[in-house]
C-alpha atoms as a PDB file:
ATOM      1  CA  MET A   1      95.484 103.543 103.215  1.00  0.00           C
ATOM      2  CA  ALA A   2      97.422 100.398 102.939  1.00  0.00           C
ATOM      3  CA  ASN A   3      97.616  98.906  99.441  1.00  0.00           C
ATOM      4  CA  LEU A   4      96.944  95.398 100.632  1.00  0.00           C
ATOM      5  CA  CYS A   5      93.784  93.315 100.346  1.00  0.00           C
ATOM      6  CA  GLU A   6      93.119  91.495 103.627  1.00  0.00           C
ATOM      7  CA  VAL A   7      91.222  88.721 101.860  1.00  0.00           C
ATOM      8  CA  CYS A   8      93.418  87.620  98.870  1.00  0.00           C
ATOM      9  CA  GLY A   9      96.713  89.417  99.830  1.00  0.00           C
ATOM     10  CA  LYS A  10      96.923  91.452  96.607  1.00  0.00           C
ATOM     11  CA  PHE A  11      99.451  94.283  96.899  1.00  0.00           C
ATOM     12  CA  THR A  12     101.285  96.928  94.887  1.00  0.00           C
ATOM     13  CA  SER A  13     103.422  95.444  92.117  1.00  0.00           C
ATOM     14  CA  SER A  14     106.104  97.224  90.192  1.00  0.00           C
ATOM     15  CA  GLY A  15     107.723  97.052  86.783  1.00  0.00           C
ATOM     16  CA  MET A  16     108.845  99.216  83.941  1.00  0.00           C
ATOM     17  CA  ASN A  17     107.279 101.449  81.324  1.00  0.00           C
ATOM     18  CA  VAL A  18     109.027 100.719  78.021  1.00  0.00           C
ATOM     19  CA  SER A  19     108.640 103.336  75.313  1.00  0.00           C
ATOM     20  CA  HIS A  20     109.000 102.770  71.525  1.00  0.00           C
ATOM     21  CA  SER A  21     112.598 103.886  71.750  1.00  0.00           C
ATOM     22  CA  HIS A  22     113.090 101.393  74.621  1.00  0.00           C
ATOM     23  CA  ILE A  23     113.575 104.116  77.328  1.00  0.00           C
ATOM     24  CA  ARG A  24     112.572 102.423  80.568  1.00  0.00           C
ATOM     25  CA  THR A  25     111.009 104.194  83.588  1.00  0.00           C
ATOM     26  CA  ARG A  26     109.649 102.717  86.848  1.00  0.00           C
ATOM     27  CA  LYS A  27     105.916 102.106  87.126  1.00  0.00           C
ATOM     28  CA  THR A  28     103.636 100.756  89.909  1.00  0.00           C
ATOM     29  CA  TRP A  29     100.325  99.017  89.627  1.00  0.00           C
ATOM     30  CA  LYS A  30      98.121  99.487  92.715  1.00  0.00           C
ATOM     31  CA  PRO A  31      95.042  97.326  93.374  1.00  0.00           C
ATOM     32  CA  ASN A  32      91.691  99.041  93.869  1.00  0.00           C
ATOM     33  CA  ILE A  33      91.353  98.815  97.661  1.00  0.00           C
ATOM     34  CA  GLN A  34      88.133  99.796  99.381  1.00  0.00           C
ATOM     35  CA  ARG A  35      87.555 100.112 103.156  1.00  0.00           C
ATOM     36  CA  VAL A  36      84.250  98.380 103.828  1.00  0.00           C
ATOM     37  CA  ARG A  37      82.322  97.101 106.806  1.00  0.00           C
ATOM     38  CA  ALA A  38      82.227  93.296 106.683  1.00  0.00           C
ATOM     39  CA  VAL A  39      81.181  90.406 108.913  1.00  0.00           C
ATOM     40  CA  VAL A  40      84.334  88.694 110.185  1.00  0.00           C
ATOM     41  CA  ASP A  41      83.938  85.849 112.685  1.00  0.00           C
ATOM     42  CA  GLY A  42      80.393  86.899 113.484  1.00  0.00           C
ATOM     43  CA  ALA A  43      81.376  90.502 114.273  1.00  0.00           C
ATOM     44  CA  THR A  44      81.202  93.644 112.098  1.00  0.00           C
ATOM     45  CA  LYS A  45      84.641  95.023 111.312  1.00  0.00           C
ATOM     46  CA  LYS A  46      86.165  97.431 108.843  1.00  0.00           C
ATOM     47  CA  VAL A  47      88.523  95.708 106.436  1.00  0.00           C
ATOM     48  CA  ASN A  48      90.569  96.693 103.366  1.00  0.00           C
ATOM     49  CA  VAL A  49      89.364  94.585 100.431  1.00  0.00           C
ATOM     50  CA  CYS A  50      90.083  94.798  96.689  1.00  0.00           C
ATOM     51  CA  THR A  51      87.128  95.224  94.361  1.00  0.00           C
ATOM     52  CA  ARG A  52      87.767  91.816  92.780  1.00  0.00           C
ATOM     53  CA  CYS A  53      87.017  90.198  96.158  1.00  0.00           C
ATOM     54  CA  LEU A  54      83.966  92.407  96.721  1.00  0.00           C
ATOM     55  CA  ARG A  55      82.602  91.523  93.261  1.00  0.00           C
ATOM     56  CA  SER A  56      83.108  87.750  93.705  1.00  0.00           C
ATOM     57  CA  ASN A  57      81.454  87.731  97.144  1.00  0.00           C
ATOM     58  CA  LYS A  58      84.426  86.481  99.046  1.00  0.00           C
ATOM     59  CA  ILE A  59      83.246  88.561 101.998  1.00  0.00           C
ATOM     60  CA  THR A  60      79.784  89.382 103.383  1.00  0.00           C
ATOM     61  CA  ARG A  61      79.198  93.092 103.757  1.00  0.00           C
ATOM     62  CA  ALA A  62      77.544  94.352 106.945  1.00  0.00           C
END
């Protein structure tokens, strides 16, 4: 599944884990993407939406 919210555009971000001894390793933060049936332009369609958009009612579920 694509790690991209089709409503707000949230996607995977990357950075570094930094330990106490300052050893750095790569880390990724992925958004919580759910594939839901939603009403888009009057038609029911399956879209990839993050849970933040679902919770804030930015889309109407079918």
